[in-house]
């Protein structure tokens, strides 16, 4: 990508940023979840709360998977607008290549 594309808004960088933030979100969700799992589990074991330790081993992985799912859905919703934009540009380009009039042109009526 050139500076001309960047400052001319010819190419969008937001889809790249969304993907980057999604990857960072996945990494931090997994690392944070595992840190919370280990911390809570070891504290529960050291206090002799075996029930809490057992529930922690079940609940934390489910919570991590749920957060990853929420993160993915949110990223897909953000990307949807850009996919629609790309599709509309492709349709416009195909119509222009076929030689038809521009959308909204009154001469085609």
Protein backbone atom coordinates (compact mmCIF):
# COMPACT_ATOMS: atom_id res chain seq x y z
CA UNK A 1 0.00 0.00 0.00
CA UNK A 2 1.35 3.39 -0.95
CA UNK A 3 0.99 6.69 0.91
CA UNK A 4 -1.23 7.91 -1.90
CA UNK A 5 -3.66 5.05 -1.25
CA UNK A 6 -3.46 5.75 2.47
CA UNK A 7 -4.16 9.47 2.29
CA UNK A 8 -6.56 9.15 -0.65
CA UNK A 9 -8.68 6.52 1.13
CA UNK A 10 -8.41 4.29 -1.94
CA UNK A 11 -7.79 1.24 0.21
CA UNK A 12 -9.33 0.58 3.60
CA UNK A 13 -7.08 -0.31 6.53
CA UNK A 14 -9.84 -0.94 9.06
CA UNK A 15 -10.37 -4.60 8.01
CA UNK A 16 -6.68 -5.22 8.69
CA UNK A 17 -6.97 -3.51 12.08
CA UNK A 18 -10.06 -5.57 12.94
CA UNK A 19 -8.18 -8.79 12.14
CA UNK A 20 -5.19 -7.62 14.18
CA UNK A 21 -7.36 -6.70 17.16
CA UNK A 22 -9.16 -10.03 16.88
CA UNK A 23 -5.86 -11.93 17.04
CA UNK A 24 -4.70 -9.84 20.01
CA UNK A 25 -8.08 -10.38 21.66
CA UNK A 26 -7.79 -14.15 21.24
CA UNK A 27 -4.27 -14.18 22.69
CA UNK A 28 -5.17 -12.00 25.68
CA UNK A 29 -8.41 -13.89 26.32
CA UNK A 30 -6.60 -17.23 26.42
CA UNK A 31 -3.68 -15.94 28.50
CA UNK A 32 -5.94 -14.03 30.90
CA UNK A 33 -8.29 -16.98 31.22
CA UNK A 34 -5.47 -19.40 31.93
CA UNK A 35 -3.93 -17.00 34.47
CA UNK A 36 -7.29 -16.64 36.20
CA UNK A 37 -7.81 -20.39 36.12
CA UNK A 38 -4.42 -21.13 37.67
CA UNK A 39 -4.70 -18.39 40.26
CA UNK A 40 -8.20 -19.32 41.39
CA UNK A 41 -7.47 -23.05 41.33
CA UNK A 42 -4.26 -22.79 43.38
CA UNK A 43 -5.86 -20.43 45.88
CA UNK A 44 -8.84 -22.77 46.30
CA UNK A 45 -6.54 -25.78 46.75
CA UNK A 46 -4.35 -23.94 49.26
CA UNK A 47 -7.44 -23.05 51.29
CA UNK A 48 -8.76 -26.60 51.06
CA UNK A 49 -11.86 -25.60 49.07
CA UNK A 50 -11.93 -28.62 46.78
CA UNK A 51 -15.43 -27.87 45.52
CA UNK A 52 -14.39 -24.42 44.37
CA UNK A 53 -11.28 -25.91 42.73
CA UNK A 54 -13.41 -28.45 40.86
CA UNK A 55 -15.91 -25.82 39.72
CA UNK A 56 -13.02 -23.58 38.64
CA UNK A 57 -11.64 -26.36 36.41
CA UNK A 58 -15.02 -26.61 34.70
CA UNK A 59 -16.18 -22.98 34.62
CA UNK A 60 -13.02 -21.23 33.41
CA UNK A 61 -12.59 -23.21 30.16
CA UNK A 62 -16.29 -22.72 29.39
CA UNK A 63 -15.90 -18.99 30.07
CA UNK A 64 -12.82 -18.78 27.83
CA UNK A 65 -14.65 -20.51 24.97
CA UNK A 66 -17.68 -18.25 25.45
CA UNK A 67 -15.50 -15.12 25.36
CA UNK A 68 -13.74 -16.37 22.20
CA UNK A 69 -17.14 -16.92 20.60
CA UNK A 70 -18.31 -13.41 21.56
CA UNK A 71 -15.04 -11.95 20.22
CA UNK A 72 -15.46 -13.78 16.91
CA UNK A 73 -19.09 -12.70 16.47
CA UNK A 74 -18.20 -9.07 17.21
CA UNK A 75 -15.33 -9.14 14.70
CA UNK A 76 -17.61 -10.67 12.06
CA UNK A 77 -20.23 -7.98 12.62
CA UNK A 78 -17.61 -5.29 12.16
CA UNK A 79 -16.26 -6.96 9.01
CA UNK A 80 -19.76 -7.32 7.54
CA UNK A 81 -19.97 -3.64 6.60
CA UNK A 82 -16.69 -3.88 4.70
CA UNK A 83 -17.77 -7.05 2.89
CA UNK A 84 -20.97 -5.32 1.80
CA UNK A 85 -18.91 -2.35 0.58
CA UNK A 86 -16.60 -4.64 -1.42
CA UNK A 87 -19.57 -6.48 -2.95
CA UNK A 88 -21.24 -3.24 -3.99
CA UNK A 89 -17.99 -2.05 -5.57
CA UNK A 90 -17.71 -5.32 -7.50
CA UNK A 91 -21.29 -5.00 -8.75
CA UNK A 92 -20.67 -1.40 -9.81
CA UNK A 93 -17.46 -2.43 -11.61
CA UNK A 94 -19.25 -5.28 -13.42
CA UNK A 95 -22.05 -2.97 -14.52
CA UNK A 96 -19.56 -0.39 -15.73
CA UNK A 97 -17.62 -3.06 -17.66
CA UNK A 98 -20.80 -4.26 -19.37
CA UNK A 99 -21.39 -0.74 -20.62
CA UNK A 100 -24.65 -0.15 -18.80
CA UNK A 101 -25.50 3.24 -17.42
CA UNK A 102 -24.51 4.33 -13.93
CA UNK A 103 -26.93 3.45 -11.12
CA UNK A 104 -29.35 6.31 -10.70
CA UNK A 105 -28.87 7.53 -14.29
CA UNK A 106 -32.25 8.59 -15.69
CA UNK A 107 -31.29 7.84 -19.32
CA UNK A 108 -31.79 4.12 -18.84
CA UNK A 109 -35.54 4.50 -18.17
